[in-house]
Amino acid sequence: MGAGFYFIPGGGNNSLSHDVIQDINTVKTNTAKLSVASNSLLVVLKLAVGWMSGSVSIISEAAHSAVDLLAALIAFVAVRKSGKEPDAVHAYGHGKIENVSGMIEAALIVLVSIWIVWESVDKLRSPQPTELVGYGMAVMLFSAGVNWWVSSRLQTVADQTHSHALAADALHLKTDVWTSIGVFLGLVAMKLTGLTWIDPAIAIVVAAIIFKAGWNMTWNSLYELTDISLPHHERDLIHDILATHPEVVSHHRLRTRRSGSLRQIDVHVLLDPGLRLDRAHAICDQVEAELESQLGSCDVVIHPEPAGSHERERSKES
């Protein structure tokens, strides 16, 4: 086994890996559909009550839900496209589509927050009484409850499948939960005190929360699009797994990145030069299986080298 030989372990389980990947994509797609349905309902309710009552905070929440709906549609398309098999043009798969969708969703969040501030400042300059406050309070409570349940479901599936698109969608809806509660409390305060400026003031607070969420999401998506390495604790886990195999003398050139829900790992391992090729292959298969067990979906490339070859090459160079 020469120093230049490499292979991708696990080649004998392609059908099983394909079935597992398809199951994951089905779960992700169905969960994305749930978000689309719930946001569609909330947009209609909030817009109806917002326009009838004249409340800028309720209308801002309708705009927030409209962005959530668009984000849910983007996430739905992203998880379907990202699950496509690699092809001649995309040899590493289509996982980055999820990261791109996260960037688009983040940009939408930032834009809608700016629009809410613009409308709220105009309402502060010329305050108008808000009608049907009770209906607005009821819609806000209903919205908070629905989004809490859907966001929890999205986050659970995102954690299980490591889906960036679903995690971004869950963040949208979690933000909507707290902004809905904020608008509800503002409507309660306005009903009790009769102070009309409370409504646009609450809307500005909502916009600030939305903007912060969008800003954080932008940076998270940007980092992964620039092929940043996996987090320190995940790289440490890779080192630990390799260290548990006595046949692995050492390893080097560990490279990692994330593409959508797929972790891509590339590493050189130094093995006992006396090992048979089939035994070396079995060790690499076992390492790959342990990595997938601990980290989830992985695309692992292991480059085995005979122990001592790396040091000999370095001594020649020096």
C-alpha atoms as a PDB file:
ATOM      1  CA  MET A   1       0.000   0.000   0.000  1.00  0.00           C
ATOM      2  CA  GLY A   2       1.840   3.115  -1.225  1.00  0.00           C
ATOM      3  CA  ALA A   3       1.632   6.618   0.177  1.00  0.00           C
ATOM      4  CA  GLY A   4      -0.281   7.854  -2.849  1.00  0.00           C
ATOM      5  CA  PHE A   5      -3.147   5.339  -2.606  1.00  0.00           C
ATOM      6  CA  TYR A   6      -6.521   6.465  -1.277  1.00  0.00           C
ATOM      7  CA  PHE A   7     -10.124   5.362  -1.262  1.00  0.00           C
ATOM      8  CA  ILE A   8     -13.546   6.332   0.092  1.00  0.00           C
ATOM      9  CA  PRO A   9     -14.586   3.758   2.685  1.00  0.00           C
ATOM     10  CA  GLY A  10     -18.062   2.318   2.851  1.00  0.00           C
ATOM     11  CA  GLY A  11     -18.437   1.752  -0.866  1.00  0.00           C
ATOM     12  CA  GLY A  12     -20.268  -1.532  -0.278  1.00  0.00           C
ATOM     13  CA  ASN A  13     -23.222   0.136   1.472  1.00  0.00           C
ATOM     14  CA  ASN A  14     -24.270   2.590  -1.220  1.00  0.00           C
ATOM     15  CA  SER A  15     -27.882   1.300  -1.408  1.00  0.00           C
ATOM     16  CA  LEU A  16     -28.344   1.560   2.347  1.00  0.00           C
ATOM     17  CA  SER A  17     -26.826   5.055   2.424  1.00  0.00           C
ATOM     18  CA  HIS A  18     -29.106   6.109  -0.441  1.00  0.00           C
ATOM     19  CA  ASP A  19     -32.214   4.846   1.392  1.00  0.00           C
ATOM     20  CA  VAL A  20     -31.211   6.622   4.590  1.00  0.00           C
ATOM     21  CA  ILE A  21     -30.572   9.862   2.717  1.00  0.00           C
ATOM     22  CA  GLN A  22     -33.958   9.624   0.998  1.00  0.00           C
ATOM     23  CA  ASP A  23     -35.701   9.054   4.345  1.00  0.00           C
ATOM     24  CA  ILE A  24     -33.971  12.128   5.790  1.00  0.00           C
ATOM     25  CA  ASN A  25     -34.972  14.246   2.797  1.00  0.00           C
ATOM     26  CA  THR A  26     -38.595  13.070   3.080  1.00  0.00           C
ATOM     27  CA  VAL A  27     -38.765  14.077   6.748  1.00  0.00           C
ATOM     28  CA  LYS A  28     -37.184  17.463   5.987  1.00  0.00           C
ATOM     29  CA  THR A  29     -39.577  18.128   3.090  1.00  0.00           C
ATOM     30  CA  ASN A  30     -42.696  17.195   5.074  1.00  0.00           C
ATOM     31  CA  THR A  31     -41.604  19.400   7.962  1.00  0.00           C
ATOM     32  CA  ALA A  32     -41.031  22.313   5.585  1.00  0.00           C
ATOM     33  CA  LYS A  33     -44.576  21.820   4.247  1.00  0.00           C
ATOM     34  CA  LEU A  34     -45.928  22.169   7.797  1.00  0.00           C
ATOM     35  CA  SER A  35     -44.228  25.554   8.131  1.00  0.00           C
ATOM     36  CA  VAL A  36     -45.670  26.745   4.806  1.00  0.00           C
ATOM     37  CA  ALA A  37     -49.207  25.783   5.854  1.00  0.00           C
ATOM     38  CA  SER A  38     -49.054  27.409   9.305  1.00  0.00           C
ATOM     39  CA  ASN A  39     -47.537  30.652   8.022  1.00  0.00           C
ATOM     40  CA  SER A  40     -50.137  30.917   5.259  1.00  0.00           C
ATOM     41  CA  LEU A  41     -52.910  30.763   7.865  1.00  0.00           C
ATOM     42  CA  LEU A  42     -51.261  33.342  10.144  1.00  0.00           C
ATOM     43  CA  VAL A  43     -50.599  35.837   7.353  1.00  0.00           C
ATOM     44  CA  VAL A  44     -54.292  35.858   6.402  1.00  0.00           C
ATOM     45  CA  LEU A  45     -55.455  36.271  10.017  1.00  0.00           C
ATOM     46  CA  LYS A  46     -52.996  39.013  10.928  1.00  0.00           C
ATOM     47  CA  LEU A  47     -53.538  41.001   7.757  1.00  0.00           C
ATOM     48  CA  ALA A  48     -57.310  40.887   8.167  1.00  0.00           C
ATOM     49  CA  VAL A  49     -57.262  42.030  11.802  1.00  0.00           C
ATOM     50  CA  GLY A  50     -54.431  44.503  11.177  1.00  0.00           C
ATOM     51  CA  TRP A  51     -56.197  46.348   8.357  1.00  0.00           C
ATOM     52  CA  MET A  52     -59.548  46.370  10.159  1.00  0.00           C
ATOM     53  CA  SER A  53     -58.046  47.656  13.412  1.00  0.00           C
ATOM     54  CA  GLY A  54     -55.477  50.028  11.948  1.00  0.00           C
ATOM     55  CA  SER A  55     -52.818  48.701  14.330  1.00  0.00           C
ATOM     56  CA  VAL A  56     -49.311  49.133  12.927  1.00  0.00           C
ATOM     57  CA  SER A  57     -47.954  46.570  15.383  1.00  0.00           C
ATOM     58  CA  ILE A  58     -50.403  43.915  14.127  1.00  0.00           C
ATOM     59  CA  ILE A  59     -49.640  44.848  10.510  1.00  0.00           C
ATOM     60  CA  SER A  60     -45.915  44.587  11.315  1.00  0.00           C
ATOM     61  CA  GLU A  61     -46.581  41.117  12.660  1.00  0.00           C
ATOM     62  CA  ALA A  62     -48.447  40.279   9.452  1.00  0.00           C
ATOM     63  CA  ALA A  63     -45.389  41.440   7.499  1.00  0.00           C
ATOM     64  CA  HIS A  64     -43.215  39.332   9.774  1.00  0.00           C
ATOM     65  CA  SER A  65     -45.383  36.281   9.101  1.00  0.00           C
ATOM     66  CA  ALA A  66     -45.332  37.047   5.361  1.00  0.00           C
ATOM     67  CA  VAL A  67     -41.531  36.944   5.494  1.00  0.00           C
ATOM     68  CA  ASP A  68     -41.785  33.722   7.482  1.00  0.00           C
ATOM     69  CA  LEU A  69     -44.027  32.301   4.756  1.00  0.00           C
ATOM     70  CA  LEU A  70     -41.593  33.288   2.026  1.00  0.00           C
ATOM     71  CA  ALA A  71     -38.743  31.885   4.108  1.00  0.00           C
ATOM     72  CA  ALA A  72     -40.685  28.653   4.588  1.00  0.00           C
ATOM     73  CA  LEU A  73     -41.196  28.385   0.831  1.00  0.00           C
ATOM     74  CA  ILE A  74     -37.485  29.000   0.272  1.00  0.00           C
ATOM     75  CA  ALA A  75     -36.648  26.366   2.899  1.00  0.00           C
ATOM     76  CA  PHE A  76     -39.054  23.913   1.253  1.00  0.00           C
ATOM     77  CA  VAL A  77     -37.391  24.364  -2.138  1.00  0.00           C
ATOM     78  CA  ALA A  78     -33.925  24.275  -0.554  1.00  0.00           C
ATOM     79  CA  VAL A  79     -34.395  20.981   1.286  1.00  0.00           C
ATOM     80  CA  ARG A  80     -35.782  19.365  -1.864  1.00  0.00           C
ATOM     81  CA  LYS A  81     -32.947  20.615  -4.061  1.00  0.00           C
ATOM     82  CA  SER A  82     -30.211  19.939  -1.497  1.00  0.00           C
ATOM     83  CA  GLY A  83     -31.256  16.284  -1.271  1.00  0.00           C
ATOM     84  CA  LYS A  84     -30.573  15.621  -4.966  1.00  0.00           C
ATOM     85  CA  GLU A  85     -27.865  13.115  -5.812  1.00  0.00           C
ATOM     86  CA  PRO A  86     -24.426  14.448  -6.851  1.00  0.00           C
ATOM     87  CA  ASP A  87     -24.072  14.869 -10.601  1.00  0.00           C
ATOM     88  CA  ALA A  88     -21.399  15.779 -13.146  1.00  0.00           C
ATOM     89  CA  VAL A  89     -21.779  19.486 -12.393  1.00  0.00           C
ATOM     90  CA  HIS A  90     -22.150  19.168  -8.595  1.00  0.00           C
ATOM     91  CA  ALA A  91     -19.783  16.355  -7.647  1.00  0.00           C
ATOM     92  CA  TYR A  92     -20.043  17.242  -3.946  1.00  0.00           C
ATOM     93  CA  GLY A  93     -23.836  17.294  -3.991  1.00  0.00           C
ATOM     94  CA  HIS A  94     -26.259  20.207  -3.626  1.00  0.00           C
ATOM     95  CA  GLY A  95     -26.035  20.855   0.123  1.00  0.00           C
ATOM     96  CA  LYS A  96     -24.848  24.456  -0.275  1.00  0.00           C
ATOM     97  CA  ILE A  97     -28.325  25.335  -1.555  1.00  0.00           C
ATOM     98  CA  GLU A  98     -29.482  25.262   2.084  1.00  0.00           C
ATOM     99  CA  ASN A  99     -26.790  27.772   3.026  1.00  0.00           C
ATOM    100  CA  VAL A 100     -27.780  30.064   0.165  1.00  0.00           C
ATOM    101  CA  SER A 101     -31.416  29.864   1.270  1.00  0.00           C
ATOM    102  CA  GLY A 102     -30.347  30.909   4.766  1.00  0.00           C
ATOM    103  CA  MET A 103     -28.683  34.014   3.317  1.00  0.00           C
ATOM    104  CA  ILE A 104     -31.825  34.915   1.350  1.00  0.00           C
ATOM    105  CA  GLU A 105     -34.029  34.436   4.419  1.00  0.00           C
ATOM    106  CA  ALA A 106     -31.694  36.622   6.484  1.00  0.00           C
ATOM    107  CA  ALA A 107     -31.823  39.410   3.889  1.00  0.00           C
ATOM    108  CA  LEU A 108     -35.634  39.284   3.923  1.00  0.00           C
ATOM    109  CA  ILE A 109     -35.674  39.586   7.712  1.00  0.00           C
ATOM    110  CA  VAL A 110     -33.445  42.663   7.624  1.00  0.00           C
ATOM    111  CA  LEU A 111     -35.552  44.339   4.915  1.00  0.00           C
ATOM    112  CA  VAL A 112     -38.860  43.752   6.705  1.00  0.00           C
ATOM    113  CA  SER A 113     -37.436  45.126   9.974  1.00  0.00           C
ATOM    114  CA  ILE A 114     -36.437  48.346   8.193  1.00  0.00           C
ATOM    115  CA  TRP A 115     -39.937  48.620   6.678  1.00  0.00           C
ATOM    116  CA  ILE A 116     -41.566  48.166  10.107  1.00  0.00           C
ATOM    117  CA  VAL A 117     -39.452  50.967  11.610  1.00  0.00           C
ATOM    118  CA  TRP A 118     -40.358  53.262   8.706  1.00  0.00           C
ATOM    119  CA  GLU A 119     -44.088  52.645   9.169  1.00  0.00           C
ATOM    120  CA  SER A 120     -43.852  52.923  12.968  1.00  0.00           C
ATOM    121  CA  VAL A 121     -42.060  56.271  12.915  1.00  0.00           C
ATOM    122  CA  ASP A 122     -44.743  57.611  10.578  1.00  0.00           C
ATOM    123  CA  LYS A 123     -47.423  56.344  12.990  1.00  0.00           C
ATOM    124  CA  LEU A 124     -45.658  58.025  15.936  1.00  0.00           C
ATOM    125  CA  ARG A 125     -45.739  61.357  14.102  1.00  0.00           C
ATOM    126  CA  SER A 126     -49.466  61.076  13.428  1.00  0.00           C
ATOM    127  CA  PRO A 127     -50.971  58.627  15.965  1.00  0.00           C
ATOM    128  CA  GLN A 128     -54.413  57.221  15.248  1.00  0.00           C
ATOM    129  CA  PRO A 129     -56.755  55.250  17.508  1.00  0.00           C
ATOM    130  CA  THR A 130     -56.694  51.475  17.180  1.00  0.00           C
ATOM    131  CA  GLU A 131     -59.961  49.553  16.898  1.00  0.00           C
ATOM    132  CA  LEU A 132     -60.864  45.904  17.489  1.00  0.00           C
ATOM    133  CA  VAL A 133     -58.065  45.582  20.054  1.00  0.00           C
ATOM    134  CA  GLY A 134     -59.633  42.443  21.500  1.00  0.00           C
ATOM    135  CA  TYR A 135     -59.477  40.655  18.141  1.00  0.00           C
ATOM    136  CA  GLY A 136     -55.855  41.691  17.784  1.00  0.00           C
ATOM    137  CA  MET A 137     -55.013  40.280  21.222  1.00  0.00           C
ATOM    138  CA  ALA A 138     -56.698  36.978  20.362  1.00  0.00           C
ATOM    139  CA  VAL A 139     -54.855  36.658  17.047  1.00  0.00           C
ATOM    140  CA  MET A 140     -51.507  37.394  18.727  1.00  0.00           C
ATOM    141  CA  LEU A 141     -52.040  34.677  21.336  1.00  0.00           C
ATOM    142  CA  PHE A 142     -53.124  32.200  18.664  1.00  0.00           C
ATOM    143  CA  SER A 143     -50.105  33.094  16.534  1.00  0.00           C
ATOM    144  CA  ALA A 144     -47.696  32.648  19.449  1.00  0.00           C
ATOM    145  CA  GLY A 145     -49.118  29.206  20.234  1.00  0.00           C
ATOM    146  CA  VAL A 146     -49.035  27.956  16.635  1.00  0.00           C
ATOM    147  CA  ASN A 147     -45.519  29.246  15.992  1.00  0.00           C
ATOM    148  CA  TRP A 148     -44.238  27.794  19.255  1.00  0.00           C
ATOM    149  CA  TRP A 149     -45.436  24.335  18.255  1.00  0.00           C
ATOM    150  CA  VAL A 150     -44.267  24.530  14.626  1.00  0.00           C
ATOM    151  CA  SER A 151     -40.868  26.024  15.525  1.00  0.00           C
ATOM    152  CA  SER A 152     -40.285  23.266  18.075  1.00  0.00           C
ATOM    153  CA  ARG A 153     -41.046  20.667  15.427  1.00  0.00           C
ATOM    154  CA  LEU A 154     -38.766  22.393  12.902  1.00  0.00           C
ATOM    155  CA  GLN A 155     -35.916  22.654  15.409  1.00  0.00           C
ATOM    156  CA  THR A 156     -36.227  18.993  16.376  1.00  0.00           C
ATOM    157  CA  VAL A 157     -35.993  17.855  12.749  1.00  0.00           C
ATOM    158  CA  ALA A 158     -33.212  20.386  12.040  1.00  0.00           C
ATOM    159  CA  ASP A 159     -31.180  18.973  14.945  1.00  0.00           C
ATOM    160  CA  GLN A 160     -31.794  15.394  13.840  1.00  0.00           C
ATOM    161  CA  THR A 161     -30.949  16.018  10.167  1.00  0.00           C
ATOM    162  CA  HIS A 162     -28.484  18.926  10.628  1.00  0.00           C
ATOM    163  CA  SER A 163     -30.529  20.999   8.175  1.00  0.00           C
ATOM    164  CA  HIS A 164     -29.437  24.627   7.934  1.00  0.00           C
ATOM    165  CA  ALA A 165     -32.589  25.639   6.046  1.00  0.00           C
ATOM    166  CA  LEU A 166     -34.957  24.168   8.660  1.00  0.00           C
ATOM    167  CA  ALA A 167     -32.895  25.659  11.504  1.00  0.00           C
ATOM    168  CA  ALA A 168     -33.192  29.087   9.875  1.00  0.00           C
ATOM    169  CA  ASP A 169     -36.942  28.604   9.463  1.00  0.00           C
ATOM    170  CA  ALA A 170     -37.239  27.557  13.119  1.00  0.00           C
ATOM    171  CA  LEU A 171     -35.372  30.713  14.148  1.00  0.00           C
ATOM    172  CA  HIS A 172     -37.852  32.794  12.149  1.00  0.00           C
ATOM    173  CA  LEU A 173     -40.815  31.280  13.944  1.00  0.00           C
ATOM    174  CA  LYS A 174     -39.225  31.433  17.410  1.00  0.00           C
ATOM    175  CA  THR A 175     -38.650  35.133  16.850  1.00  0.00           C
ATOM    176  CA  ASP A 176     -42.283  35.457  15.789  1.00  0.00           C
ATOM    177  CA  VAL A 177     -43.416  33.846  19.051  1.00  0.00           C
ATOM    178  CA  TRP A 178     -41.783  36.527  21.179  1.00  0.00           C
ATOM    179  CA  THR A 179     -42.777  39.400  18.914  1.00  0.00           C
ATOM    180  CA  SER A 180     -46.395  38.175  18.983  1.00  0.00           C
ATOM    181  CA  ILE A 181     -46.294  38.140  22.780  1.00  0.00           C
ATOM    182  CA  GLY A 182     -44.767  41.632  22.743  1.00  0.00           C
ATOM    183  CA  VAL A 183     -47.525  42.946  20.481  1.00  0.00           C
ATOM    184  CA  PHE A 184     -50.132  41.261  22.697  1.00  0.00           C
ATOM    185  CA  LEU A 185     -48.752  42.984  25.816  1.00  0.00           C
ATOM    186  CA  GLY A 186     -48.617  46.285  23.946  1.00  0.00           C
ATOM    187  CA  LEU A 187     -52.268  45.957  22.923  1.00  0.00           C
ATOM    188  CA  VAL A 188     -53.197  45.156  26.522  1.00  0.00           C
ATOM    189  CA  ALA A 189     -51.343  48.248  27.753  1.00  0.00           C
ATOM    190  CA  MET A 190     -52.937  50.430  25.074  1.00  0.00           C
ATOM    191  CA  LYS A 191     -56.423  49.128  25.928  1.00  0.00           C
ATOM    192  CA  LEU A 192     -55.878  49.855  29.636  1.00  0.00           C
ATOM    193  CA  THR A 193     -54.248  53.275  29.260  1.00  0.00           C
ATOM    194  CA  GLY A 194     -55.615  54.606  25.961  1.00  0.00           C
ATOM    195  CA  LEU A 195     -52.099  55.720  24.929  1.00  0.00           C
ATOM    196  CA  THR A 196     -51.928  55.333  21.130  1.00  0.00           C
ATOM    197  CA  TRP A 197     -48.123  55.740  20.916  1.00  0.00           C
ATOM    198  CA  ILE A 198     -47.649  52.342  22.581  1.00  0.00           C
ATOM    199  CA  ASP A 199     -48.697  50.557  19.374  1.00  0.00           C
ATOM    200  CA  PRO A 200     -45.925  51.940  17.073  1.00  0.00           C
ATOM    201  CA  ALA A 201     -43.402  51.817  19.921  1.00  0.00           C
ATOM    202  CA  ILE A 202     -44.000  48.078  20.323  1.00  0.00           C
ATOM    203  CA  ALA A 203     -43.674  47.692  16.549  1.00  0.00           C
ATOM    204  CA  ILE A 204     -40.204  49.302  16.666  1.00  0.00           C
ATOM    205  CA  VAL A 205     -39.158  46.847  19.397  1.00  0.00           C
ATOM    206  CA  VAL A 206     -40.448  44.021  17.198  1.00  0.00           C
ATOM    207  CA  ALA A 207     -38.357  45.361  14.306  1.00  0.00           C
ATOM    208  CA  ALA A 208     -35.219  45.447  16.483  1.00  0.00           C
ATOM    209  CA  ILE A 209     -35.702  41.804  17.494  1.00  0.00           C
ATOM    210  CA  ILE A 210     -36.289  40.787  13.875  1.00  0.00           C
ATOM    211  CA  PHE A 211     -33.200  42.700  12.699  1.00  0.00           C
ATOM    212  CA  LYS A 212     -30.954  41.028  15.285  1.00  0.00           C
ATOM    213  CA  ALA A 213     -32.167  37.570  14.244  1.00  0.00           C
ATOM    214  CA  GLY A 214     -31.544  38.371  10.582  1.00  0.00           C
ATOM    215  CA  TRP A 215     -28.067  39.737  11.299  1.00  0.00           C
ATOM    216  CA  ASN A 216     -27.023  36.623  13.230  1.00  0.00           C
ATOM    217  CA  MET A 217     -28.432  34.362  10.529  1.00  0.00           C
ATOM    218  CA  THR A 218     -26.528  36.267   7.851  1.00  0.00           C
ATOM    219  CA  TRP A 219     -23.181  35.646   9.530  1.00  0.00           C
ATOM    220  CA  ASN A 220     -23.928  31.972  10.238  1.00  0.00           C
ATOM    221  CA  SER A 221     -24.825  31.348   6.595  1.00  0.00           C
ATOM    222  CA  LEU A 222     -21.838  33.345   5.343  1.00  0.00           C
ATOM    223  CA  TYR A 223     -19.400  31.335   7.462  1.00  0.00           C
ATOM    224  CA  GLU A 224     -20.610  28.038   6.012  1.00  0.00           C
ATOM    225  CA  LEU A 225     -20.616  29.371   2.447  1.00  0.00           C
ATOM    226  CA  THR A 226     -16.927  30.230   2.868  1.00  0.00           C
ATOM    227  CA  ASP A 227     -16.190  26.592   3.831  1.00  0.00           C
ATOM    228  CA  ILE A 228     -15.323  27.313   7.445  1.00  0.00           C
ATOM    229  CA  SER A 229     -14.171  24.202   9.343  1.00  0.00           C
ATOM    230  CA  LEU A 230     -16.490  22.258  11.615  1.00  0.00           C
ATOM    231  CA  PRO A 231     -16.699  23.535  15.222  1.00  0.00           C
ATOM    232  CA  HIS A 232     -13.822  22.763  17.594  1.00  0.00           C
ATOM    233  CA  HIS A 233     -15.781  20.187  19.586  1.00  0.00           C
ATOM    234  CA  GLU A 234     -16.627  18.234  16.412  1.00  0.00           C
ATOM    235  CA  ARG A 235     -13.008  18.290  15.205  1.00  0.00           C
ATOM    236  CA  ASP A 236     -11.909  17.147  18.673  1.00  0.00           C
ATOM    237  CA  LEU A 237     -14.381  14.260  18.403  1.00  0.00           C
ATOM    238  CA  ILE A 238     -12.835  13.227  15.072  1.00  0.00           C
ATOM    239  CA  HIS A 239      -9.377  13.228  16.666  1.00  0.00           C
ATOM    240  CA  ASP A 240     -10.691  11.166  19.589  1.00  0.00           C
ATOM    241  CA  ILE A 241     -12.317   8.557  17.311  1.00  0.00           C
ATOM    242  CA  LEU A 242      -9.114   8.124  15.320  1.00  0.00           C
ATOM    243  CA  ALA A 243      -7.100   7.821  18.550  1.00  0.00           C
ATOM    244  CA  THR A 244      -9.230   4.885  19.750  1.00  0.00           C
ATOM    245  CA  HIS A 245      -7.935   2.656  16.928  1.00  0.00           C
ATOM    246  CA  PRO A 246      -4.558   1.096  17.841  1.00  0.00           C
ATOM    247  CA  GLU A 247      -3.796   0.383  14.158  1.00  0.00           C
ATOM    248  CA  VAL A 248      -3.906   4.142  13.443  1.00  0.00           C
ATOM    249  CA  VAL A 249      -0.395   5.258  14.399  1.00  0.00           C
ATOM    250  CA  SER A 250      -1.208   8.929  13.785  1.00  0.00           C
ATOM    251  CA  HIS A 251      -3.107  11.190  11.402  1.00  0.00           C
ATOM    252  CA  HIS A 252      -2.652  14.573   9.751  1.00  0.00           C
ATOM    253  CA  ARG A 253      -4.115  16.955   7.155  1.00  0.00           C
ATOM    254  CA  LEU A 254      -7.585  16.831   8.675  1.00  0.00           C
ATOM    255  CA  ARG A 255      -9.887  19.035   6.599  1.00  0.00           C
ATOM    256  CA  THR A 256     -13.566  19.580   7.383  1.00  0.00           C
ATOM    257  CA  ARG A 257     -16.450  21.674   6.146  1.00  0.00           C
ATOM    258  CA  ARG A 258     -20.230  21.711   6.073  1.00  0.00           C
ATOM    259  CA  SER A 259     -22.464  21.552   3.007  1.00  0.00           C
ATOM    260  CA  GLY A 260     -26.085  21.905   4.045  1.00  0.00           C
ATOM    261  CA  SER A 261     -26.795  19.026   6.418  1.00  0.00           C
ATOM    262  CA  LEU A 262     -23.765  17.020   5.233  1.00  0.00           C
ATOM    263  CA  ARG A 263     -20.383  17.143   6.983  1.00  0.00           C
ATOM    264  CA  GLN A 264     -17.439  16.583   4.666  1.00  0.00           C
ATOM    265  CA  ILE A 265     -14.305  15.138   6.274  1.00  0.00           C
ATOM    266  CA  ASP A 266     -10.945  14.491   4.627  1.00  0.00           C
ATOM    267  CA  VAL A 267      -8.031  13.032   6.613  1.00  0.00           C
ATOM    268  CA  HIS A 268      -4.727  11.200   6.109  1.00  0.00           C
ATOM    269  CA  VAL A 269      -4.081   8.290   8.512  1.00  0.00           C
ATOM    270  CA  LEU A 270      -0.784   6.500   9.122  1.00  0.00           C
ATOM    271  CA  LEU A 271      -1.194   2.733   9.504  1.00  0.00           C
ATOM    272  CA  ASP A 272       1.156  -0.136  10.285  1.00  0.00           C
ATOM    273  CA  PRO A 273       2.954  -0.791   6.948  1.00  0.00           C
ATOM    274  CA  GLY A 274       2.594  -4.526   7.515  1.00  0.00           C
ATOM    275  CA  LEU A 275      -1.217  -4.448   7.383  1.00  0.00           C
ATOM    276  CA  ARG A 276      -2.961  -6.234   4.515  1.00  0.00           C
ATOM    277  CA  LEU A 277      -4.926  -3.968   2.165  1.00  0.00           C
ATOM    278  CA  ASP A 278      -8.271  -5.569   3.100  1.00  0.00           C
ATOM    279  CA  ARG A 279      -7.533  -5.004   6.815  1.00  0.00           C
ATOM    280  CA  ALA A 280      -6.611  -1.353   6.188  1.00  0.00           C
ATOM    281  CA  HIS A 281      -9.858  -0.929   4.265  1.00  0.00           C
ATOM    282  CA  ALA A 282     -11.854  -2.493   7.124  1.00  0.00           C
ATOM    283  CA  ILE A 283     -10.274  -0.092   9.637  1.00  0.00           C
ATOM    284  CA  CYS A 284     -11.209   2.896   7.466  1.00  0.00           C
ATOM    285  CA  ASP A 285     -14.757   1.542   7.127  1.00  0.00           C
ATOM    286  CA  GLN A 286     -15.031   1.291  10.898  1.00  0.00           C
ATOM    287  CA  VAL A 287     -13.722   4.836  11.398  1.00  0.00           C
ATOM    288  CA  GLU A 288     -16.287   6.144   8.912  1.00  0.00           C
ATOM    289  CA  ALA A 289     -19.122   4.273  10.645  1.00  0.00           C
ATOM    290  CA  GLU A 290     -18.122   5.734  14.021  1.00  0.00           C
ATOM    291  CA  LEU A 291     -17.928   9.248  12.590  1.00  0.00           C
ATOM    292  CA  GLU A 292     -21.432   8.937  11.114  1.00  0.00           C
ATOM    293  CA  SER A 293     -22.727   7.487  14.389  1.00  0.00           C
ATOM    294  CA  GLN A 294     -21.371  10.429  16.403  1.00  0.00           C
ATOM    295  CA  LEU A 295     -21.776  13.312  13.956  1.00  0.00           C
ATOM    296  CA  GLY A 296     -24.634  12.330  11.645  1.00  0.00           C
ATOM    297  CA  SER A 297     -24.538  12.415   7.827  1.00  0.00           C
ATOM    298  CA  CYS A 298     -20.918  12.521   6.689  1.00  0.00           C
ATOM    299  CA  ASP A 299     -18.979  12.284   3.437  1.00  0.00           C
ATOM    300  CA  VAL A 300     -15.628  10.855   4.607  1.00  0.00           C
ATOM    301  CA  VAL A 301     -12.482  10.516   2.497  1.00  0.00           C
ATOM    302  CA  ILE A 302      -9.646   8.649   4.235  1.00  0.00           C
ATOM    303  CA  HIS A 303      -6.168   8.574   2.731  1.00  0.00           C
ATOM    304  CA  PRO A 304      -4.233   5.696   4.351  1.00  0.00           C
ATOM    305  CA  GLU A 305      -0.440   5.844   4.401  1.00  0.00           C
ATOM    306  CA  PRO A 306       2.139   3.385   5.760  1.00  0.00           C
ATOM    307  CA  ALA A 307       3.585   4.643   9.045  1.00  0.00           C
ATOM    308  CA  GLY A 308       6.977   6.254   8.502  1.00  0.00           C
ATOM    309  CA  SER A 309       6.324   7.366   4.918  1.00  0.00           C
ATOM    310  CA  HIS A 310       5.277  10.835   5.967  1.00  0.00           C
ATOM    311  CA  GLU A 311       8.392  11.302   8.086  1.00  0.00           C
ATOM    312  CA  ARG A 312      10.664   9.993   5.284  1.00  0.00           C
ATOM    313  CA  GLU A 313       9.152  12.433   2.808  1.00  0.00           C
ATOM    314  CA  ARG A 314       9.649  15.325   5.200  1.00  0.00           C
ATOM    315  CA  SER A 315      13.292  14.339   5.817  1.00  0.00           C
ATOM    316  CA  LYS A 316      13.913  14.244   2.037  1.00  0.00           C
ATOM    317  CA  GLU A 317      12.456  17.727   1.643  1.00  0.00           C
ATOM    318  CA  SER A 318      14.675  19.069   4.419  1.00  0.00           C
END
